[in-house]
Amino acid sequence: MSLVFERIQTEGIAELSYLLGDDEEGTAAVFDPTPDVDKYIELAREKNVSITHVFETHIHADLVSGARELCAQVDLAKIYVSHEAGAQYGFETEKLHDGDTFTFGDTLLTVRHTPGHTPEHISFEVAEKDTPETPWGVLTGDSLFVSSAGRPDLLGSAHTKQLAAQQFRTLNEYFLGLPDSVIIHPGHGAGSPCGADIGDRLQSTIGYERANNPFLQFDDVEEFTDYALRTAPPVPTYYPRMKKINAEGPKIIGHLPRVAALPAQAFKRAIEEKKGVLVDTRSMRAFGGGHIPGALNIGGSPSLSIWAGWLLDPQDAVLLVLENDNAVHDVVKLFVRTGYTKFAGYLVGGIETWESAGFPIEEIPQLSVHDLQRDGKDFQLLDVRGPGEWKHGHIPAAQHCFLPELRERSAGLDKTKPTAVYCASGYRASLAASILKQEGFEKIHNVPGSWQAWKKAGFPVER
């Protein structure tokens, strides 16, 4: 019999949850669950433990919390959240404060108030019950990441300076006060906008971060604040909405939303009657080869959660075009993670049934990087990556237009000129191309492989 400690990675939103418990005692806790909670229940069953505690490190901004959903499906579980800094919630919780302790078998869990990313943020120090003064690990939430730290600017400019100062003290007085051997288990991995340039590794040690994490190299709070704000990625537009939902208490849905299966004629009628926004979740090449006019291409990879959050209104129902009908469950799960639960139906049989019914389709030609290198002067070339990506290098003569700003900025572009769009791999470029089609651009091309292919081909890079 032994400690149970498992990391659960949710790709796309780059979120890391944890299951910690004791298989002799049969009890366990889940930390920072996402709303697709079956994975925690199944893992607990596999490890022969019962989920009795659900801990939250803070009020999340990047996803819908799964705490209420998980507790609704697990009879013995209660939700434990920080009540530091006057945090308030619109649902029933168990209060956590700095210094509170919990035991799971021989493992001792101690709550530490680690403000900065948010005022109420807490971390969980993990030690053996017999040696509480020598922790072996810490669940850092969104406070300390591998090679990075939680951004302090998500509550608006009026709070940023104070939060940055709190984050500076948290990093220097708490985390750097821990022994080098302590293992850090963060709440996010690489790709999350909750921190700048989060490292690829999913765990680290205090000693390694002490020596290598740029956020831990500052002695002056003003210099730290400047660096934290200067390196932070753009704030996703859906973050304030997630904050509000998670503070008030996410709606318990009990199961993934059911999506009606619509034959081609019924699907066409739903589009004409504006029953929902049309989202094609197929790959960029499939979408480019033929799609329903007016469709938005948000590919059904884990990144869908983020880009739905950026670009869709959760009050609008979604009409889905899928790679195949069996993908509906996985695609809906991606939507739910950032709060999308309304669906007007999916196209039965996919795009083939639409074509077979004789309904119109449109195409987006794919332009290889070799053709772009040869004929680039003939194109209006748009780079839709993030500002940090653009800064580190781009294709010569490209214009930078961050994807979430594209629709607004498209009015300043030439809609009649042949236009090529690229990103890092082509996923966002295809999404951008579908937006430009909606905005009336006549000659759109997507660049598959995009920046990755351009660099590997050895073509010129501008900085």
Protein backbone atom coordinates (compact mmCIF):
# COMPACT_ATOMS: atom_id res chain seq x y z
CA MET A 1 0.00 0.00 0.00
CA SER A 2 1.39 3.43 -0.89
CA LEU A 3 0.97 7.02 -1.91
CA VAL A 4 -1.06 7.65 -5.05
CA PHE A 5 0.18 10.67 -7.00
CA GLU A 6 -0.78 11.15 -10.65
CA ARG A 7 -0.60 14.09 -13.05
CA ILE A 8 -3.45 14.53 -15.55
CA GLN A 9 -2.51 16.65 -18.56
CA THR A 10 -5.20 18.40 -20.61
CA GLU A 11 -3.64 19.42 -23.90
CA GLY A 12 -4.69 22.51 -25.81
CA ILE A 13 -5.30 24.58 -22.68
CA ALA A 14 -2.05 23.05 -21.33
CA GLU A 15 -3.64 22.43 -17.93
CA LEU A 16 -2.19 20.08 -15.31
CA SER A 17 -4.44 18.53 -12.67
CA TYR A 18 -3.37 16.09 -9.96
CA LEU A 19 -4.75 13.11 -8.07
CA LEU A 20 -3.15 12.60 -4.64
CA GLY A 21 -4.25 9.99 -2.13
CA ASP A 22 -3.48 6.83 -0.19
CA ASP A 23 -4.58 3.44 -1.49
CA GLU A 24 -4.63 1.84 1.98
CA GLU A 25 -6.83 4.52 3.43
CA GLY A 26 -8.74 4.61 0.14
CA THR A 27 -9.11 8.40 0.01
CA ALA A 28 -7.83 10.92 -2.50
CA ALA A 29 -7.97 14.55 -3.61
CA VAL A 30 -8.15 16.08 -7.06
CA PHE A 31 -6.48 19.45 -7.63
CA ASP A 32 -7.78 21.95 -10.23
CA PRO A 33 -10.05 19.66 -12.28
CA THR A 34 -11.31 20.52 -15.76
CA PRO A 35 -15.06 20.08 -16.48
CA ASP A 36 -14.66 16.79 -18.39
CA VAL A 37 -14.45 14.93 -15.08
CA ASP A 38 -14.78 11.30 -16.19
CA LYS A 39 -10.99 11.05 -16.46
CA TYR A 40 -10.57 11.72 -12.73
CA ILE A 41 -13.28 9.25 -11.72
CA GLU A 42 -11.79 6.56 -13.96
CA LEU A 43 -8.25 7.20 -12.67
CA ALA A 44 -9.42 7.04 -9.04
CA ARG A 45 -11.16 3.75 -9.76
CA GLU A 46 -8.01 2.39 -11.38
CA LYS A 47 -5.95 3.41 -8.31
CA ASN A 48 -8.48 1.96 -5.83
CA VAL A 49 -9.22 5.26 -4.11
CA SER A 50 -12.32 7.36 -3.52
CA ILE A 51 -12.26 11.08 -4.32
CA THR A 52 -13.13 12.81 -1.04
CA HIS A 53 -11.57 16.26 -1.58
CA VAL A 54 -11.51 18.64 -4.55
CA PHE A 55 -8.97 21.43 -4.10
CA GLU A 56 -8.70 24.62 -6.15
CA THR A 57 -5.53 26.70 -6.14
CA HIS A 58 -7.37 29.85 -7.30
CA ILE A 59 -10.28 31.22 -9.31
CA HIS A 60 -9.30 30.15 -12.81
CA ALA A 61 -9.36 32.44 -15.84
CA ASP A 62 -8.40 30.03 -18.61
CA LEU A 63 -11.00 27.26 -18.30
CA VAL A 64 -14.27 26.33 -16.68
CA SER A 65 -13.54 24.73 -13.30
CA GLY A 66 -14.65 21.12 -12.99
CA ALA A 67 -14.91 21.21 -9.18
CA ARG A 68 -18.70 21.41 -8.98
CA GLU A 69 -19.16 18.92 -11.82
CA LEU A 70 -16.83 16.42 -10.14
CA CYS A 71 -18.49 16.78 -6.73
CA ALA A 72 -21.91 16.27 -8.31
CA GLN A 73 -20.75 12.88 -9.58
CA VAL A 74 -18.77 11.78 -6.51
CA ASP A 75 -20.92 11.51 -3.40
CA LEU A 76 -18.24 11.92 -0.73
CA ALA A 77 -16.34 14.84 -2.23
CA LYS A 78 -16.36 18.43 -1.00
CA ILE A 79 -14.89 21.51 -2.66
CA TYR A 80 -12.05 23.28 -0.82
CA VAL A 81 -11.12 26.78 -2.01
CA SER A 82 -9.03 29.70 -0.76
CA HIS A 83 -10.81 32.30 1.33
CA GLU A 84 -7.68 34.41 1.60
CA ALA A 85 -7.79 38.08 0.52
CA GLY A 86 -11.57 38.19 0.92
CA ALA A 87 -12.30 35.74 -1.91
CA GLN A 88 -16.02 35.08 -2.33
CA TYR A 89 -17.91 32.37 -4.16
CA GLY A 90 -21.49 31.87 -5.26
CA PHE A 91 -21.65 28.20 -4.30
CA GLU A 92 -21.04 26.01 -1.28
CA THR A 93 -17.37 25.58 -0.39
CA GLU A 94 -15.08 24.53 2.42
CA LYS A 95 -12.79 27.40 3.44
CA LEU A 96 -9.02 27.16 3.11
CA HIS A 97 -6.51 29.46 4.78
CA ASP A 98 -2.75 29.62 5.02
CA GLY A 99 -1.41 26.87 7.27
CA ASP A 100 -4.39 24.50 7.03
CA THR A 101 -3.33 20.85 6.87
CA PHE A 102 -4.77 17.59 5.52
CA THR A 103 -3.49 14.03 5.69
CA PHE A 104 -3.83 11.22 3.18
CA GLY A 105 -2.25 8.17 4.77
CA ASP A 106 1.33 9.14 5.62
CA THR A 107 1.24 12.23 3.39
CA LEU A 108 0.76 15.69 4.88
CA LEU A 109 -0.67 18.50 2.77
CA THR A 110 -0.16 22.10 3.96
CA VAL A 111 -1.91 25.13 2.45
CA ARG A 112 0.34 28.09 1.63
CA HIS A 113 -1.05 31.47 0.58
CA THR A 114 0.90 32.43 -2.56
CA PRO A 115 -0.73 35.59 -3.96
CA GLY A 116 0.37 37.35 -7.12
CA HIS A 117 -1.27 35.64 -10.05
CA THR A 118 -4.50 36.25 -8.15
CA PRO A 119 -5.01 37.68 -4.63
CA GLU A 120 -6.47 34.46 -3.19
CA HIS A 121 -4.00 32.05 -4.85
CA ILE A 122 -2.76 29.16 -2.72
CA SER A 123 -0.22 26.37 -3.21
CA PHE A 124 -0.10 22.96 -1.53
CA GLU A 125 3.09 21.84 0.18
CA VAL A 126 3.55 18.06 0.31
CA ALA A 127 5.58 16.25 2.99
CA GLU A 128 5.74 13.03 4.95
CA LYS A 129 3.53 13.22 8.05
CA ASP A 130 6.47 12.37 10.33
CA THR A 131 8.75 15.06 8.84
CA PRO A 132 6.53 18.07 8.09
CA GLU A 133 9.46 20.45 8.18
CA THR A 134 11.06 18.90 5.07
CA PRO A 135 8.57 18.97 2.16
CA TRP A 136 9.35 16.89 -0.89
CA GLY A 137 6.99 18.64 -3.29
CA VAL A 138 4.70 21.61 -3.85
CA LEU A 139 1.67 21.95 -6.11
CA THR A 140 2.24 25.50 -7.31
CA GLY A 141 -0.96 26.10 -9.30
CA ASP A 142 -0.50 29.18 -11.49
CA SER A 143 2.05 30.79 -9.19
CA LEU A 144 5.35 29.19 -10.22
CA PHE A 145 5.80 27.42 -13.57
CA VAL A 146 8.74 25.66 -15.15
CA SER A 147 10.94 28.52 -16.43
CA SER A 148 8.17 31.04 -15.79
CA ALA A 149 5.64 32.40 -13.30
CA GLY A 150 1.98 33.32 -13.24
CA ARG A 151 1.14 36.62 -14.87
CA PRO A 152 -0.12 39.37 -12.51
CA ASP A 153 -2.23 41.38 -15.00
CA LEU A 154 -5.48 39.43 -15.34
CA LEU A 155 -7.58 41.53 -12.97
CA GLY A 156 -7.04 44.78 -14.89
CA SER A 157 -4.58 47.64 -14.70
CA ALA A 158 -5.93 48.92 -11.38
CA HIS A 159 -4.69 45.75 -9.64
CA THR A 160 -1.63 44.85 -11.70
CA LYS A 161 1.05 46.72 -9.74
CA GLN A 162 -0.14 45.35 -6.40
CA LEU A 163 -0.39 41.79 -7.74
CA ALA A 164 3.06 42.04 -9.32
CA ALA A 165 4.50 43.09 -5.95
CA GLN A 166 2.73 40.16 -4.28
CA GLN A 167 4.04 37.80 -6.93
CA PHE A 168 7.57 39.11 -6.41
CA ARG A 169 7.32 38.44 -2.65
CA THR A 170 5.74 35.01 -3.17
CA LEU A 171 8.51 33.91 -5.48
CA ASN A 172 11.34 35.30 -3.37
CA GLU A 173 10.09 34.78 0.17
CA TYR A 174 8.21 31.52 -0.18
CA PHE A 175 9.38 29.48 -3.16
CA LEU A 176 13.05 30.47 -2.95
CA GLY A 177 12.86 29.71 0.77
CA LEU A 178 12.19 26.04 0.03
CA PRO A 179 15.02 23.48 -0.20
CA ASP A 180 16.51 22.92 -3.66
CA SER A 181 15.32 19.31 -3.60
CA VAL A 182 11.61 20.20 -3.51
CA ILE A 183 9.82 19.13 -6.70
CA ILE A 184 7.44 21.68 -8.19
CA HIS A 185 4.21 20.46 -9.80
CA PRO A 186 2.72 23.43 -11.70
CA GLY A 187 -0.82 24.00 -12.90
CA HIS A 188 0.17 24.56 -16.54
CA GLY A 189 2.69 23.43 -19.10
CA ALA A 190 4.00 25.05 -22.27
CA GLY A 191 1.40 26.82 -24.39
CA SER A 192 -0.77 28.29 -21.65
CA PRO A 193 -1.32 32.08 -21.83
CA CYS A 194 -1.31 32.14 -17.99
CA GLY A 195 2.45 32.65 -18.06
CA ALA A 196 5.20 33.79 -20.42
CA ASP A 197 7.21 31.12 -22.26
CA ILE A 198 6.40 28.26 -19.87
CA GLY A 199 8.95 25.48 -20.24
CA ASP A 200 8.28 22.18 -21.99
CA ARG A 201 8.96 20.00 -18.92
CA LEU A 202 5.96 19.23 -16.74
CA GLN A 203 7.82 19.37 -13.43
CA SER A 204 11.04 20.76 -12.06
CA THR A 205 12.84 21.39 -8.77
CA ILE A 206 13.30 24.52 -6.71
CA GLY A 207 17.04 24.22 -7.21
CA TYR A 208 16.78 24.14 -10.98
CA GLU A 209 14.33 27.02 -11.08
CA ARG A 210 16.46 29.02 -8.64
CA ALA A 211 19.33 28.86 -11.11
CA ASN A 212 17.48 29.06 -14.42
CA ASN A 213 14.01 30.60 -14.12
CA PRO A 214 14.23 34.23 -15.35
CA PHE A 215 11.42 35.30 -12.99
CA LEU A 216 13.56 34.27 -10.01
CA GLN A 217 16.56 36.41 -10.93
CA PHE A 218 15.26 39.81 -9.78
CA ASP A 219 16.16 41.66 -6.57
CA ASP A 220 14.11 44.75 -7.42
CA VAL A 221 10.30 44.69 -7.54
CA GLU A 222 10.09 47.41 -10.20
CA GLU A 223 12.42 45.53 -12.54
CA PHE A 224 10.46 42.35 -11.88
CA THR A 225 7.16 44.08 -12.66
CA ASP A 226 8.51 45.52 -15.90
CA TYR A 227 9.76 42.11 -17.01
CA ALA A 228 6.55 40.30 -16.02
CA LEU A 229 4.36 42.71 -17.99
CA ARG A 230 6.70 43.03 -20.96
CA THR A 231 6.94 39.28 -21.53
CA ALA A 232 3.29 38.38 -20.87
CA PRO A 233 1.38 37.07 -23.90
CA PRO A 234 -1.85 38.81 -24.99
CA VAL A 235 -4.74 38.30 -22.58
CA PRO A 236 -7.39 36.05 -24.19
CA THR A 237 -10.73 37.82 -24.46
CA TYR A 238 -12.57 34.98 -22.73
CA TYR A 239 -10.52 35.15 -19.50
CA PRO A 240 -12.77 37.67 -17.69
CA ARG A 241 -15.79 35.53 -18.55
CA MET A 242 -14.11 32.41 -17.10
CA LYS A 243 -13.25 34.32 -13.93
CA LYS A 244 -16.86 35.33 -13.43
CA ILE A 245 -18.22 31.84 -14.13
CA ASN A 246 -15.78 30.17 -11.74
CA ALA A 247 -16.42 32.62 -8.91
CA GLU A 248 -20.19 32.33 -9.21
CA GLY A 249 -20.08 28.56 -9.70
CA PRO A 250 -20.14 26.79 -13.08
CA LYS A 251 -23.41 25.17 -14.06
CA ILE A 252 -23.50 21.42 -13.37
CA ILE A 253 -24.40 19.75 -16.65
CA GLY A 254 -24.27 16.12 -15.50
CA HIS A 255 -23.04 14.85 -18.86
CA LEU A 256 -21.61 16.19 -22.09
CA PRO A 257 -24.19 18.14 -24.10
CA ARG A 258 -26.05 16.04 -26.64
CA VAL A 259 -25.81 17.20 -30.24
CA ALA A 260 -28.61 16.46 -32.70
CA ALA A 261 -27.64 14.55 -35.85
CA LEU A 262 -28.95 16.55 -38.82
CA PRO A 263 -29.18 15.21 -42.40
CA ALA A 264 -27.85 17.53 -45.09
CA GLN A 265 -31.22 19.13 -45.92
CA ALA A 266 -32.00 19.81 -42.24
CA PHE A 267 -28.46 21.11 -41.67
CA LYS A 268 -28.81 23.49 -44.62
CA ARG A 269 -32.12 24.74 -43.25
CA ALA A 270 -30.54 25.31 -39.83
CA ILE A 271 -27.83 27.42 -41.46
CA GLU A 272 -30.37 29.44 -43.44
CA GLU A 273 -32.47 30.02 -40.33
CA LYS A 274 -29.34 31.10 -38.42
CA LYS A 275 -29.84 28.45 -35.74
CA GLY A 276 -26.15 28.62 -34.86
CA VAL A 277 -22.65 29.65 -35.89
CA LEU A 278 -21.17 27.24 -38.44
CA VAL A 279 -17.88 25.66 -37.29
CA ASP A 280 -15.99 23.14 -39.42
CA THR A 281 -13.67 21.11 -37.17
CA ARG A 282 -11.87 19.21 -39.92
CA SER A 283 -8.16 19.51 -40.69
CA MET A 284 -6.89 22.46 -42.71
CA ARG A 285 -6.33 20.42 -45.87
CA ALA A 286 -9.78 18.84 -45.70
CA PHE A 287 -11.35 22.24 -45.07
CA GLY A 288 -9.34 23.84 -47.88
CA GLY A 289 -10.37 21.10 -50.29
CA GLY A 290 -14.07 21.85 -49.82
CA HIS A 291 -16.28 23.39 -47.16
CA ILE A 292 -19.71 24.90 -46.66
CA PRO A 293 -19.71 28.62 -47.56
CA GLY A 294 -19.39 30.82 -44.48
CA ALA A 295 -17.89 28.13 -42.24
CA LEU A 296 -15.26 28.96 -39.62
CA ASN A 297 -12.44 26.41 -39.53
CA ILE A 298 -11.52 25.64 -35.91
CA GLY A 299 -9.81 22.28 -36.25
CA GLY A 300 -10.75 19.55 -33.78
CA SER A 301 -7.35 19.40 -32.07
CA PRO A 302 -6.96 20.25 -28.37
CA SER A 303 -6.30 23.88 -29.37
CA LEU A 304 -9.98 24.20 -30.25
CA SER A 305 -10.77 25.04 -26.61
CA ILE A 306 -8.62 28.18 -26.73
CA TRP A 307 -9.69 29.40 -30.16
CA ALA A 308 -13.38 28.85 -29.49
CA GLY A 309 -12.83 30.95 -26.36
CA TRP A 310 -11.16 33.72 -28.34
CA LEU A 311 -13.58 33.86 -31.25
CA LEU A 312 -17.06 32.55 -30.36
CA ASP A 313 -19.89 33.88 -28.23
CA PRO A 314 -20.99 31.18 -25.73
CA GLN A 315 -24.57 32.42 -26.08
CA ASP A 316 -24.60 31.30 -29.72
CA ALA A 317 -25.35 27.67 -30.51
CA VAL A 318 -22.84 25.84 -32.69
CA LEU A 319 -23.50 23.91 -35.92
CA LEU A 320 -20.73 21.34 -36.37
CA VAL A 321 -19.06 19.81 -39.39
CA LEU A 322 -16.86 16.89 -38.26
CA GLU A 323 -14.09 14.71 -39.70
CA ASN A 324 -16.45 11.80 -39.00
CA ASP A 325 -19.56 11.29 -36.91
CA ASN A 326 -17.65 9.39 -34.21
CA ALA A 327 -15.66 12.55 -33.44
CA VAL A 328 -18.65 14.39 -31.96
CA HIS A 329 -17.98 13.31 -28.36
CA ASP A 330 -14.33 14.38 -28.38
CA VAL A 331 -15.07 17.67 -30.15
CA VAL A 332 -17.87 18.60 -27.73
CA LYS A 333 -15.52 17.91 -24.81
CA LEU A 334 -13.09 20.48 -26.22
CA PHE A 335 -15.85 23.10 -26.45
CA VAL A 336 -17.03 22.43 -22.89
CA ARG A 337 -13.60 23.17 -21.39
CA THR A 338 -14.03 26.87 -22.15
CA GLY A 339 -17.74 27.10 -21.49
CA TYR A 340 -19.51 26.20 -24.76
CA THR A 341 -22.50 23.95 -24.11
CA LYS A 342 -25.04 25.02 -26.77
CA PHE A 343 -25.15 23.00 -30.00
CA ALA A 344 -27.69 23.25 -32.82
CA GLY A 345 -26.60 19.96 -34.43
CA TYR A 346 -23.95 18.28 -36.53
CA LEU A 347 -23.96 17.34 -40.22
CA VAL A 348 -24.62 13.59 -40.46
CA GLY A 349 -22.12 11.87 -42.73
CA GLY A 350 -19.92 14.95 -42.95
CA ILE A 351 -19.11 17.07 -45.97
CA GLU A 352 -19.61 14.12 -48.35
CA THR A 353 -23.34 14.09 -47.68
CA TRP A 354 -23.47 17.83 -48.28
CA GLU A 355 -21.76 17.41 -51.65
CA SER A 356 -23.93 14.43 -52.56
CA ALA A 357 -27.03 16.53 -51.90
CA GLY A 358 -25.83 18.98 -54.54
CA PHE A 359 -25.27 21.87 -52.15
CA PRO A 360 -22.55 24.48 -52.84
CA ILE A 361 -19.02 24.25 -51.50
CA GLU A 362 -16.06 26.60 -51.50
CA GLU A 363 -12.31 25.97 -51.49
CA ILE A 364 -9.22 27.59 -50.03
CA PRO A 365 -6.12 26.77 -52.10
CA GLN A 366 -3.05 25.55 -50.23
CA LEU A 367 0.19 27.35 -51.04
CA SER A 368 3.44 25.52 -50.26
CA VAL A 369 6.34 27.44 -48.75
CA HIS A 370 8.31 26.72 -51.93
CA ASP A 371 5.63 28.38 -54.07
CA LEU A 372 5.45 31.22 -51.56
CA GLN A 373 9.21 31.72 -51.79
CA ARG A 374 9.01 31.82 -55.58
CA ASP A 375 5.86 33.93 -55.98
CA GLY A 376 5.67 35.78 -52.64
CA LYS A 377 5.91 39.21 -54.23
CA ASP A 378 2.51 38.61 -55.83
CA PHE A 379 0.79 38.07 -52.48
CA GLN A 380 -0.42 40.13 -49.55
CA LEU A 381 1.30 38.01 -46.88
CA LEU A 382 -0.19 37.87 -43.37
CA ASP A 383 1.46 36.42 -40.26
CA VAL A 384 -1.29 35.66 -37.70
CA ARG A 385 0.93 34.32 -34.90
CA GLY A 386 1.28 35.92 -31.48
CA PRO A 387 3.46 38.99 -30.89
CA GLY A 388 6.18 36.92 -29.19
CA GLU A 389 6.38 34.52 -32.13
CA TRP A 390 6.55 37.39 -34.61
CA LYS A 391 9.32 39.08 -32.63
CA HIS A 392 11.53 36.00 -32.83
CA GLY A 393 11.41 35.89 -36.63
CA HIS A 394 9.07 36.09 -39.60
CA ILE A 395 8.93 35.73 -43.37
CA PRO A 396 10.28 38.83 -45.14
CA ALA A 397 7.59 41.24 -46.42
CA ALA A 398 4.92 39.73 -44.15
CA GLN A 399 2.46 41.91 -42.24
CA HIS A 400 1.79 40.93 -38.65
CA CYS A 401 -1.89 40.61 -37.75
CA PHE A 402 -2.54 38.66 -34.52
CA LEU A 403 -5.35 36.19 -35.21
CA PRO A 404 -7.89 37.43 -32.60
CA GLU A 405 -7.55 40.95 -34.08
CA LEU A 406 -7.83 39.85 -37.70
CA ARG A 407 -11.53 40.45 -38.26
CA GLU A 408 -11.30 44.01 -36.95
CA ARG A 409 -8.11 44.79 -38.84
CA SER A 410 -9.23 43.21 -42.12
CA ALA A 411 -10.91 46.49 -43.12
CA GLY A 412 -7.43 47.97 -43.61
CA LEU A 413 -6.32 45.22 -46.00
CA ASP A 414 -6.83 44.86 -49.77
CA LYS A 415 -9.68 42.38 -50.27
CA THR A 416 -9.04 42.05 -54.00
CA LYS A 417 -5.33 41.20 -53.86
CA PRO A 418 -4.18 37.55 -53.64
CA THR A 419 -3.57 36.93 -49.93
CA ALA A 420 -1.54 34.19 -48.26
CA VAL A 421 -1.84 33.47 -44.53
CA TYR A 422 0.65 31.63 -42.32
CA CYS A 423 1.14 30.79 -38.64
CA ALA A 424 3.42 28.26 -36.93
CA SER A 425 2.06 25.10 -38.55
CA GLY A 426 -1.01 26.05 -40.62
CA TYR A 427 -3.76 25.42 -38.04
CA ARG A 428 -4.31 29.08 -37.14
CA ALA A 429 -3.66 30.13 -40.73
CA SER A 430 -6.60 28.03 -41.92
CA LEU A 431 -8.78 29.56 -39.21
CA ALA A 432 -7.61 33.02 -40.30
CA ALA A 433 -8.30 32.21 -43.96
CA SER A 434 -11.86 31.20 -43.09
CA ILE A 435 -12.34 34.52 -41.27
CA LEU A 436 -11.07 36.46 -44.27
CA LYS A 437 -13.43 34.52 -46.54
CA GLN A 438 -16.30 35.60 -44.31
CA GLU A 439 -15.05 39.19 -44.61
CA GLY A 440 -15.22 39.10 -48.41
CA PHE A 441 -11.61 38.47 -49.42
CA GLU A 442 -11.61 37.04 -52.93
CA LYS A 443 -8.29 35.18 -53.33
CA ILE A 444 -7.21 33.51 -50.08
CA HIS A 445 -4.45 30.93 -49.73
CA ASN A 446 -3.41 28.95 -46.65
CA VAL A 447 0.23 27.96 -46.14
CA PRO A 448 0.42 24.41 -44.72
CA GLY A 449 3.50 23.83 -42.61
CA SER A 450 3.74 27.62 -42.41
CA TRP A 451 6.63 29.03 -40.36
CA GLN A 452 7.96 25.61 -39.37
CA ALA A 453 8.18 24.53 -43.01
CA TRP A 454 9.66 27.88 -44.08
CA LYS A 455 12.51 27.61 -41.56
CA LYS A 456 13.23 23.94 -42.30
CA ALA A 457 13.41 24.76 -46.02
CA GLY A 458 16.21 27.22 -45.19
CA PHE A 459 14.45 30.27 -46.59
CA PRO A 460 15.30 33.82 -45.44
CA VAL A 461 14.16 34.99 -42.00
CA GLU A 462 13.58 38.59 -40.98
CA ARG A 463 13.74 39.85 -37.39
